[in-house]
């Protein structure tokens, strides 16, 4: 790629440079960005499945925003809890940057309430089966929306279908992201009904009941499912409080400063 082509990409420039240069190369144009990454306490070179801070539960919600997301946000406010939302650009809804839709306001509400936003790829594509060009398209399409709506771009990425092979990991980390999965899967996507959501509740409860004061949990759920919003989320928040844990963002559960959660 010729330099003029790189410079013409505007808001996408940090991701492109991150993908072209070795991780720890420092140049005058990108040294500040890479220095901030190197100062982060989040390790690189592998997919992160566990929190490192004790006594916390990091609730994560994938695939949104959607019609149930604001109800989830209401519940988090009620419990003074923080969470992380891994957002798609073209999945359950479109028009994340269209101010005639509710979605830009929902994203800004997340940030304003102290929650964390991460990338879940533009169209919920399996990034392990994609080539490098497609992976970068999936990242940069969503980066453009984040930059427009929020004025910043997340540094945390949740791979769709929880799969990110070596090529995916190299490309995504090279573009400036930490790759985050989970150690508790509520499987709420299989139990979105009043008759079966208790299965997801039991999965979550068993995990917390098996822990101790120094335990921590990184939990997968989805704000696009009705009974996750109506039933599972309040159950999880009550259980967290009952067991004496704190509900925090992924960044906090990894001991990462909020200044490292996004780039501009």
C-alpha atoms as a PDB file:
ATOM      1  CA  UNK A   1       0.000   0.000   0.000  1.00  0.00           C
ATOM      2  CA  UNK A   2       1.375   3.421  -0.988  1.00  0.00           C
ATOM      3  CA  UNK A   3       1.535   6.155   1.635  1.00  0.00           C
ATOM      4  CA  UNK A   4      -0.947   8.476  -0.164  1.00  0.00           C
ATOM      5  CA  UNK A   5      -3.507   5.691  -0.077  1.00  0.00           C
ATOM      6  CA  UNK A   6      -2.953   5.232   3.636  1.00  0.00           C
ATOM      7  CA  UNK A   7      -3.253   8.946   4.327  1.00  0.00           C
ATOM      8  CA  UNK A   8      -6.504   9.144   2.403  1.00  0.00           C
ATOM      9  CA  UNK A   9      -8.233   6.788   4.813  1.00  0.00           C
ATOM     10  CA  UNK A  10      -8.804   9.509   7.382  1.00  0.00           C
ATOM     11  CA  UNK A  11     -10.479   8.092  10.455  1.00  0.00           C
ATOM     12  CA  UNK A  12      -9.325   4.576   9.618  1.00  0.00           C
ATOM     13  CA  UNK A  13      -5.633   5.518   9.684  1.00  0.00           C
ATOM     14  CA  UNK A  14      -4.824   4.185  13.210  1.00  0.00           C
ATOM     15  CA  UNK A  15      -6.229   0.747  12.384  1.00  0.00           C
ATOM     16  CA  UNK A  16      -4.459   0.531   9.074  1.00  0.00           C
ATOM     17  CA  UNK A  17      -1.126   1.532  10.569  1.00  0.00           C
ATOM     18  CA  UNK A  18      -1.657  -0.925  13.404  1.00  0.00           C
ATOM     19  CA  UNK A  19      -2.125  -3.705  10.870  1.00  0.00           C
ATOM     20  CA  UNK A  20       0.931  -2.790   8.789  1.00  0.00           C
ATOM     21  CA  UNK A  21       3.587  -2.209  11.445  1.00  0.00           C
ATOM     22  CA  UNK A  22       5.034  -4.709  13.879  1.00  0.00           C
ATOM     23  CA  UNK A  23       3.303  -4.410  17.245  1.00  0.00           C
ATOM     24  CA  UNK A  24       6.122  -2.652  19.105  1.00  0.00           C
ATOM     25  CA  UNK A  25       7.503  -0.531  16.242  1.00  0.00           C
ATOM     26  CA  UNK A  26       7.483   3.135  17.247  1.00  0.00           C
ATOM     27  CA  UNK A  27       7.495   5.901  14.661  1.00  0.00           C
ATOM     28  CA  UNK A  28       6.816   9.639  15.048  1.00  0.00           C
ATOM     29  CA  UNK A  29       3.323   9.210  13.558  1.00  0.00           C
ATOM     30  CA  UNK A  30       2.088   6.357  15.731  1.00  0.00           C
ATOM     31  CA  UNK A  31       4.432   6.265  18.709  1.00  0.00           C
ATOM     32  CA  UNK A  32       1.927   7.828  21.095  1.00  0.00           C
ATOM     33  CA  UNK A  33      -0.750   5.241  20.241  1.00  0.00           C
ATOM     34  CA  UNK A  34       1.626   2.285  20.605  1.00  0.00           C
ATOM     35  CA  UNK A  35       3.064   3.612  23.849  1.00  0.00           C
ATOM     36  CA  UNK A  36      -0.422   3.715  25.358  1.00  0.00           C
ATOM     37  CA  UNK A  37      -1.008   0.124  24.267  1.00  0.00           C
ATOM     38  CA  UNK A  38       2.297  -1.018  25.756  1.00  0.00           C
ATOM     39  CA  UNK A  39       1.393   0.631  29.086  1.00  0.00           C
ATOM     40  CA  UNK A  40      -1.887  -1.284  29.272  1.00  0.00           C
ATOM     41  CA  UNK A  41      -2.058  -4.075  31.822  1.00  0.00           C
ATOM     42  CA  UNK A  42      -3.982  -6.254  29.373  1.00  0.00           C
ATOM     43  CA  UNK A  43      -1.737  -8.979  27.919  1.00  0.00           C
ATOM     44  CA  UNK A  44      -1.373  -9.482  24.186  1.00  0.00           C
ATOM     45  CA  UNK A  45      -0.754 -12.543  22.070  1.00  0.00           C
ATOM     46  CA  UNK A  46      -3.712 -14.592  23.194  1.00  0.00           C
ATOM     47  CA  UNK A  47      -7.489 -14.457  23.601  1.00  0.00           C
ATOM     48  CA  UNK A  48      -8.488 -13.263  27.065  1.00  0.00           C
ATOM     49  CA  UNK A  49     -11.063 -15.465  28.787  1.00  0.00           C
ATOM     50  CA  UNK A  50     -10.737 -14.487  32.448  1.00  0.00           C
ATOM     51  CA  UNK A  51     -10.735 -11.415  34.660  1.00  0.00           C
ATOM     52  CA  UNK A  52      -7.601 -10.680  36.645  1.00  0.00           C
ATOM     53  CA  UNK A  53      -9.114  -8.523  39.417  1.00  0.00           C
ATOM     54  CA  UNK A  54     -10.681 -10.358  42.392  1.00  0.00           C
ATOM     55  CA  UNK A  55     -14.249 -10.050  43.594  1.00  0.00           C
ATOM     56  CA  UNK A  56     -15.798  -8.805  40.357  1.00  0.00           C
ATOM     57  CA  UNK A  57     -18.258  -9.986  37.714  1.00  0.00           C
ATOM     58  CA  UNK A  58     -17.938  -8.546  34.210  1.00  0.00           C
ATOM     59  CA  UNK A  59     -21.311  -8.877  32.531  1.00  0.00           C
ATOM     60  CA  UNK A  60     -21.054  -8.601  28.765  1.00  0.00           C
ATOM     61  CA  UNK A  61     -23.883  -8.200  26.276  1.00  0.00           C
ATOM     62  CA  UNK A  62     -23.319  -9.068  22.602  1.00  0.00           C
ATOM     63  CA  UNK A  63     -25.044  -8.433  19.268  1.00  0.00           C
ATOM     64  CA  UNK A  64     -26.905  -5.194  20.067  1.00  0.00           C
ATOM     65  CA  UNK A  65     -28.088  -2.631  20.340  1.00  0.00           C
ATOM     66  CA  UNK A  66     -31.696  -3.722  19.930  1.00  0.00           C
ATOM     67  CA  UNK A  67     -35.171  -3.030  21.268  1.00  0.00           C
ATOM     68  CA  UNK A  68     -34.342  -4.547  24.672  1.00  0.00           C
ATOM     69  CA  UNK A  69     -31.049  -2.747  25.243  1.00  0.00           C
ATOM     70  CA  UNK A  70     -32.455   0.287  27.012  1.00  0.00           C
ATOM     71  CA  UNK A  71     -34.304  -1.965  29.465  1.00  0.00           C
ATOM     72  CA  UNK A  72     -30.980  -3.639  30.259  1.00  0.00           C
ATOM     73  CA  UNK A  73     -29.472  -0.188  30.780  1.00  0.00           C
ATOM     74  CA  UNK A  74     -32.341   0.722  33.110  1.00  0.00           C
ATOM     75  CA  UNK A  75     -31.631  -2.373  35.220  1.00  0.00           C
ATOM     76  CA  UNK A  76     -27.907  -1.619  35.354  1.00  0.00           C
ATOM     77  CA  UNK A  77     -28.730   1.902  36.546  1.00  0.00           C
ATOM     78  CA  UNK A  78     -31.057   0.481  39.197  1.00  0.00           C
ATOM     79  CA  UNK A  79     -28.291  -1.707  40.617  1.00  0.00           C
ATOM     80  CA  UNK A  80     -25.499   0.852  40.120  1.00  0.00           C
ATOM     81  CA  UNK A  81     -23.792  -1.809  38.012  1.00  0.00           C
ATOM     82  CA  UNK A  82     -21.441  -1.464  35.054  1.00  0.00           C
ATOM     83  CA  UNK A  83     -21.239  -3.750  32.032  1.00  0.00           C
ATOM     84  CA  UNK A  84     -19.664  -4.062  28.591  1.00  0.00           C
ATOM     85  CA  UNK A  85     -21.614  -4.047  25.335  1.00  0.00           C
ATOM     86  CA  UNK A  86     -19.979  -5.660  22.302  1.00  0.00           C
ATOM     87  CA  UNK A  87     -21.751  -3.943  19.429  1.00  0.00           C
ATOM     88  CA  UNK A  88     -22.412  -4.937  15.818  1.00  0.00           C
ATOM     89  CA  UNK A  89     -22.949  -2.449  13.003  1.00  0.00           C
ATOM     90  CA  UNK A  90     -25.255  -4.529  10.834  1.00  0.00           C
ATOM     91  CA  UNK A  91     -26.856  -7.400  12.701  1.00  0.00           C
ATOM     92  CA  UNK A  92     -30.175  -7.007  14.527  1.00  0.00           C
ATOM     93  CA  UNK A  93     -30.395  -3.351  13.487  1.00  0.00           C
ATOM     94  CA  UNK A  94     -28.795  -0.984  11.011  1.00  0.00           C
ATOM     95  CA  UNK A  95     -28.268   2.762  11.111  1.00  0.00           C
ATOM     96  CA  UNK A  96     -26.132   3.026  14.233  1.00  0.00           C
ATOM     97  CA  UNK A  97     -25.025   6.469  13.032  1.00  0.00           C
ATOM     98  CA  UNK A  98     -28.474   7.538  11.799  1.00  0.00           C
ATOM     99  CA  UNK A  99     -29.778  10.166  14.206  1.00  0.00           C
ATOM    100  CA  UNK A 100     -33.354   9.465  13.080  1.00  0.00           C
ATOM    101  CA  UNK A 101     -33.060   6.071  14.800  1.00  0.00           C
ATOM    102  CA  UNK A 102     -32.699   5.449  18.560  1.00  0.00           C
ATOM    103  CA  UNK A 103     -29.322   3.722  18.187  1.00  0.00           C
ATOM    104  CA  UNK A 104     -26.864   6.643  18.361  1.00  0.00           C
ATOM    105  CA  UNK A 105     -28.571   7.785  21.537  1.00  0.00           C
ATOM    106  CA  UNK A 106     -28.397   4.275  22.980  1.00  0.00           C
ATOM    107  CA  UNK A 107     -24.649   4.088  22.337  1.00  0.00           C
ATOM    108  CA  UNK A 108     -24.105   7.499  23.899  1.00  0.00           C
ATOM    109  CA  UNK A 109     -26.226   6.458  26.879  1.00  0.00           C
ATOM    110  CA  UNK A 110     -23.934   3.463  27.441  1.00  0.00           C
ATOM    111  CA  UNK A 111     -20.867   5.683  27.519  1.00  0.00           C
ATOM    112  CA  UNK A 112     -22.539   8.352  29.638  1.00  0.00           C
ATOM    113  CA  UNK A 113     -23.544   5.786  32.273  1.00  0.00           C
ATOM    114  CA  UNK A 114     -19.973   4.516  32.579  1.00  0.00           C
ATOM    115  CA  UNK A 115     -20.406   1.291  30.680  1.00  0.00           C
ATOM    116  CA  UNK A 116     -17.836   0.078  28.173  1.00  0.00           C
ATOM    117  CA  UNK A 117     -18.434  -0.423  24.458  1.00  0.00           C
ATOM    118  CA  UNK A 118     -16.452  -2.940  22.433  1.00  0.00           C
ATOM    119  CA  UNK A 119     -16.499  -4.076  18.828  1.00  0.00           C
ATOM    120  CA  UNK A 120     -18.252  -7.276  17.786  1.00  0.00           C
ATOM    121  CA  UNK A 121     -17.458  -6.790  14.062  1.00  0.00           C
ATOM    122  CA  UNK A 122     -19.636  -5.040  11.512  1.00  0.00           C
ATOM    123  CA  UNK A 123     -21.891  -7.926  10.479  1.00  0.00           C
ATOM    124  CA  UNK A 124     -21.304 -10.661  13.084  1.00  0.00           C
ATOM    125  CA  UNK A 125     -19.015 -12.530  10.705  1.00  0.00           C
ATOM    126  CA  UNK A 126     -16.911 -15.551  11.661  1.00  0.00           C
ATOM    127  CA  UNK A 127     -13.518 -13.873  11.669  1.00  0.00           C
ATOM    128  CA  UNK A 128     -11.621 -17.172  11.658  1.00  0.00           C
ATOM    129  CA  UNK A 129     -13.033 -18.108   8.276  1.00  0.00           C
ATOM    130  CA  UNK A 130     -12.452 -14.664   6.729  1.00  0.00           C
ATOM    131  CA  UNK A 131      -9.277 -13.470   5.043  1.00  0.00           C
ATOM    132  CA  UNK A 132      -7.275 -10.471   6.285  1.00  0.00           C
ATOM    133  CA  UNK A 133      -8.936  -7.983   3.942  1.00  0.00           C
ATOM    134  CA  UNK A 134     -12.418  -9.000   5.086  1.00  0.00           C
ATOM    135  CA  UNK A 135     -11.370  -8.893   8.739  1.00  0.00           C
ATOM    136  CA  UNK A 136     -10.116  -5.337   8.352  1.00  0.00           C
ATOM    137  CA  UNK A 137     -13.315  -4.350   6.550  1.00  0.00           C
ATOM    138  CA  UNK A 138     -15.358  -5.791   9.408  1.00  0.00           C
ATOM    139  CA  UNK A 139     -13.364  -3.756  11.910  1.00  0.00           C
ATOM    140  CA  UNK A 140     -13.056  -0.476  10.012  1.00  0.00           C
ATOM    141  CA  UNK A 141     -16.704  -0.281   8.899  1.00  0.00           C
ATOM    142  CA  UNK A 142     -17.700  -0.281  12.554  1.00  0.00           C
ATOM    143  CA  UNK A 143     -14.832   2.020  13.545  1.00  0.00           C
ATOM    144  CA  UNK A 144     -16.235   4.638  11.176  1.00  0.00           C
ATOM    145  CA  UNK A 145     -19.586   4.513  12.982  1.00  0.00           C
ATOM    146  CA  UNK A 146     -18.007   4.647  16.442  1.00  0.00           C
ATOM    147  CA  UNK A 147     -15.896   7.628  15.437  1.00  0.00           C
ATOM    148  CA  UNK A 148     -18.928   9.453  14.065  1.00  0.00           C
ATOM    149  CA  UNK A 149     -21.264   8.750  16.988  1.00  0.00           C
ATOM    150  CA  UNK A 150     -18.870   8.620  19.947  1.00  0.00           C
ATOM    151  CA  UNK A 151     -15.770  10.430  18.719  1.00  0.00           C
ATOM    152  CA  UNK A 152     -13.625   7.444  19.694  1.00  0.00           C
ATOM    153  CA  UNK A 153     -12.996   3.818  18.768  1.00  0.00           C
ATOM    154  CA  UNK A 154     -12.967   0.841  21.167  1.00  0.00           C
ATOM    155  CA  UNK A 155      -9.792  -1.135  21.834  1.00  0.00           C
ATOM    156  CA  UNK A 156     -11.679  -4.256  22.964  1.00  0.00           C
ATOM    157  CA  UNK A 157     -13.060  -6.832  20.529  1.00  0.00           C
ATOM    158  CA  UNK A 158     -15.312  -9.843  21.064  1.00  0.00           C
ATOM    159  CA  UNK A 159     -15.063 -12.316  18.145  1.00  0.00           C
ATOM    160  CA  UNK A 160     -18.445 -13.421  16.793  1.00  0.00           C
ATOM    161  CA  UNK A 161     -19.171 -17.079  17.539  1.00  0.00           C
ATOM    162  CA  UNK A 162     -16.316 -16.876  20.089  1.00  0.00           C
ATOM    163  CA  UNK A 163     -13.846 -17.995  17.450  1.00  0.00           C
ATOM    164  CA  UNK A 164     -10.629 -16.223  16.488  1.00  0.00           C
ATOM    165  CA  UNK A 165      -7.819 -18.359  15.073  1.00  0.00           C
ATOM    166  CA  UNK A 166      -4.162 -17.333  14.881  1.00  0.00           C
ATOM    167  CA  UNK A 167      -4.645 -15.303  11.713  1.00  0.00           C
ATOM    168  CA  UNK A 168      -7.646 -13.560  13.215  1.00  0.00           C
ATOM    169  CA  UNK A 169      -5.808 -12.827  16.466  1.00  0.00           C
ATOM    170  CA  UNK A 170      -2.819 -11.392  14.621  1.00  0.00           C
ATOM    171  CA  UNK A 171      -4.976  -9.185  12.414  1.00  0.00           C
ATOM    172  CA  UNK A 172      -7.259  -7.959  15.184  1.00  0.00           C
ATOM    173  CA  UNK A 173      -4.472  -7.248  17.659  1.00  0.00           C
ATOM    174  CA  UNK A 174      -2.474  -5.613  14.872  1.00  0.00           C
ATOM    175  CA  UNK A 175      -5.425  -3.294  14.290  1.00  0.00           C
ATOM    176  CA  UNK A 176      -5.246  -2.138  17.899  1.00  0.00           C
ATOM    177  CA  UNK A 177      -7.617  -4.424  19.807  1.00  0.00           C
ATOM    178  CA  UNK A 178      -7.573  -6.788  22.764  1.00  0.00           C
ATOM    179  CA  UNK A 179      -9.503  -9.973  21.937  1.00  0.00           C
ATOM    180  CA  UNK A 180     -11.961 -10.894  24.701  1.00  0.00           C
ATOM    181  CA  UNK A 181     -14.032 -14.038  25.203  1.00  0.00           C
ATOM    182  CA  UNK A 182     -15.476 -15.316  28.506  1.00  0.00           C
ATOM    183  CA  UNK A 183     -15.390 -18.027  31.141  1.00  0.00           C
ATOM    184  CA  UNK A 184     -19.149 -18.190  31.867  1.00  0.00           C
ATOM    185  CA  UNK A 185     -21.504 -18.738  28.937  1.00  0.00           C
ATOM    186  CA  UNK A 186     -25.138 -18.343  29.992  1.00  0.00           C
ATOM    187  CA  UNK A 187     -26.253 -19.740  26.619  1.00  0.00           C
ATOM    188  CA  UNK A 188     -29.172 -17.346  26.799  1.00  0.00           C
ATOM    189  CA  UNK A 189     -29.441 -17.502  23.011  1.00  0.00           C
ATOM    190  CA  UNK A 190     -30.706 -21.090  23.426  1.00  0.00           C
ATOM    191  CA  UNK A 191     -33.184 -20.279  26.190  1.00  0.00           C
ATOM    192  CA  UNK A 192     -35.036 -17.129  25.167  1.00  0.00           C
ATOM    193  CA  UNK A 193     -38.421 -18.162  26.526  1.00  0.00           C
ATOM    194  CA  UNK A 194     -40.217 -17.919  29.881  1.00  0.00           C
ATOM    195  CA  UNK A 195     -40.052 -21.705  30.204  1.00  0.00           C
ATOM    196  CA  UNK A 196     -36.320 -22.174  29.614  1.00  0.00           C
ATOM    197  CA  UNK A 197     -34.523 -18.983  30.689  1.00  0.00           C
ATOM    198  CA  UNK A 198     -34.130 -20.571  34.143  1.00  0.00           C
ATOM    199  CA  UNK A 199     -31.492 -22.836  32.569  1.00  0.00           C
ATOM    200  CA  UNK A 200     -29.337 -19.760  31.912  1.00  0.00           C
ATOM    201  CA  UNK A 201     -30.035 -18.505  35.429  1.00  0.00           C
ATOM    202  CA  UNK A 202     -28.877 -21.822  36.865  1.00  0.00           C
ATOM    203  CA  UNK A 203     -25.676 -21.711  34.803  1.00  0.00           C
ATOM    204  CA  UNK A 204     -24.856 -18.264  36.138  1.00  0.00           C
ATOM    205  CA  UNK A 205     -25.795 -19.120  39.729  1.00  0.00           C
ATOM    206  CA  UNK A 206     -23.704 -22.296  39.752  1.00  0.00           C
ATOM    207  CA  UNK A 207     -20.657 -20.340  38.591  1.00  0.00           C
ATOM    208  CA  UNK A 208     -20.958 -17.724  41.331  1.00  0.00           C
ATOM    209  CA  UNK A 209     -21.892 -20.256  44.005  1.00  0.00           C
ATOM    210  CA  UNK A 210     -18.707 -22.154  43.199  1.00  0.00           C
ATOM    211  CA  UNK A 211     -16.495 -19.107  43.698  1.00  0.00           C
ATOM    212  CA  UNK A 212     -15.035 -17.331  46.697  1.00  0.00           C
ATOM    213  CA  UNK A 213     -14.050 -13.795  47.757  1.00  0.00           C
ATOM    214  CA  UNK A 214     -11.062 -13.778  45.389  1.00  0.00           C
ATOM    215  CA  UNK A 215     -12.979 -15.208  42.415  1.00  0.00           C
ATOM    216  CA  UNK A 216     -14.008 -13.259  39.341  1.00  0.00           C
ATOM    217  CA  UNK A 217     -16.143 -14.043  36.317  1.00  0.00           C
ATOM    218  CA  UNK A 218     -16.362 -12.860  32.706  1.00  0.00           C
ATOM    219  CA  UNK A 219     -19.919 -13.576  31.574  1.00  0.00           C
ATOM    220  CA  UNK A 220     -21.459 -13.867  28.090  1.00  0.00           C
ATOM    221  CA  UNK A 221     -25.065 -12.848  27.470  1.00  0.00           C
ATOM    222  CA  UNK A 222     -26.979 -10.975  24.771  1.00  0.00           C
ATOM    223  CA  UNK A 223     -29.074  -7.827  25.069  1.00  0.00           C
ATOM    224  CA  UNK A 224     -30.963  -8.726  21.877  1.00  0.00           C
ATOM    225  CA  UNK A 225     -33.045 -11.433  23.583  1.00  0.00           C
ATOM    226  CA  UNK A 226     -36.273 -10.574  25.360  1.00  0.00           C
ATOM    227  CA  UNK A 227     -35.916 -12.898  28.328  1.00  0.00           C
ATOM    228  CA  UNK A 228     -32.284 -12.011  28.818  1.00  0.00           C
ATOM    229  CA  UNK A 229     -33.454  -8.436  29.327  1.00  0.00           C
ATOM    230  CA  UNK A 230     -36.604  -9.173  31.309  1.00  0.00           C
ATOM    231  CA  UNK A 231     -35.547 -12.143  33.424  1.00  0.00           C
ATOM    232  CA  UNK A 232     -31.878 -13.150  33.222  1.00  0.00           C
ATOM    233  CA  UNK A 233     -30.340  -9.703  33.677  1.00  0.00           C
ATOM    234  CA  UNK A 234     -32.207  -8.830  36.896  1.00  0.00           C
ATOM    235  CA  UNK A 235     -31.464 -12.341  38.180  1.00  0.00           C
ATOM    236  CA  UNK A 236     -27.743 -11.889  37.511  1.00  0.00           C
ATOM    237  CA  UNK A 237     -27.651  -8.460  39.120  1.00  0.00           C
ATOM    238  CA  UNK A 238     -29.437  -9.721  42.242  1.00  0.00           C
ATOM    239  CA  UNK A 239     -27.098 -12.713  42.457  1.00  0.00           C
ATOM    240  CA  UNK A 240     -24.005 -10.521  42.101  1.00  0.00           C
ATOM    241  CA  UNK A 241     -25.205  -8.331  44.963  1.00  0.00           C
ATOM    242  CA  UNK A 242     -26.203 -11.342  47.087  1.00  0.00           C
ATOM    243  CA  UNK A 243     -22.764 -12.936  46.716  1.00  0.00           C
ATOM    244  CA  UNK A 244     -20.911  -9.712  47.507  1.00  0.00           C
ATOM    245  CA  UNK A 245     -19.343  -9.193  44.075  1.00  0.00           C
ATOM    246  CA  UNK A 246     -19.136  -5.957  42.078  1.00  0.00           C
ATOM    247  CA  UNK A 247     -20.551  -5.725  38.553  1.00  0.00           C
ATOM    248  CA  UNK A 248     -17.863  -4.034  36.451  1.00  0.00           C
ATOM    249  CA  UNK A 249     -16.740  -3.478  32.875  1.00  0.00           C
ATOM    250  CA  UNK A 250     -14.307  -5.845  31.171  1.00  0.00           C
ATOM    251  CA  UNK A 251     -11.659  -3.137  31.315  1.00  0.00           C
ATOM    252  CA  UNK A 252     -12.030  -2.834  35.072  1.00  0.00           C
ATOM    253  CA  UNK A 253     -12.055  -6.597  35.576  1.00  0.00           C
ATOM    254  CA  UNK A 254      -8.674  -6.672  33.806  1.00  0.00           C
ATOM    255  CA  UNK A 255      -7.247  -3.786  35.815  1.00  0.00           C
ATOM    256  CA  UNK A 256      -7.027  -1.624  32.705  1.00  0.00           C
ATOM    257  CA  UNK A 257      -7.308   2.144  33.042  1.00  0.00           C
ATOM    258  CA  UNK A 258     -10.367   3.667  31.312  1.00  0.00           C
ATOM    259  CA  UNK A 259      -7.950   5.812  29.303  1.00  0.00           C
ATOM    260  CA  UNK A 260      -6.907   2.592  27.528  1.00  0.00           C
ATOM    261  CA  UNK A 261     -10.419   1.448  26.589  1.00  0.00           C
ATOM    262  CA  UNK A 262     -10.668   3.648  23.491  1.00  0.00           C
ATOM    263  CA  UNK A 263      -8.528   5.441  20.934  1.00  0.00           C
ATOM    264  CA  UNK A 264      -9.306   8.599  18.978  1.00  0.00           C
END
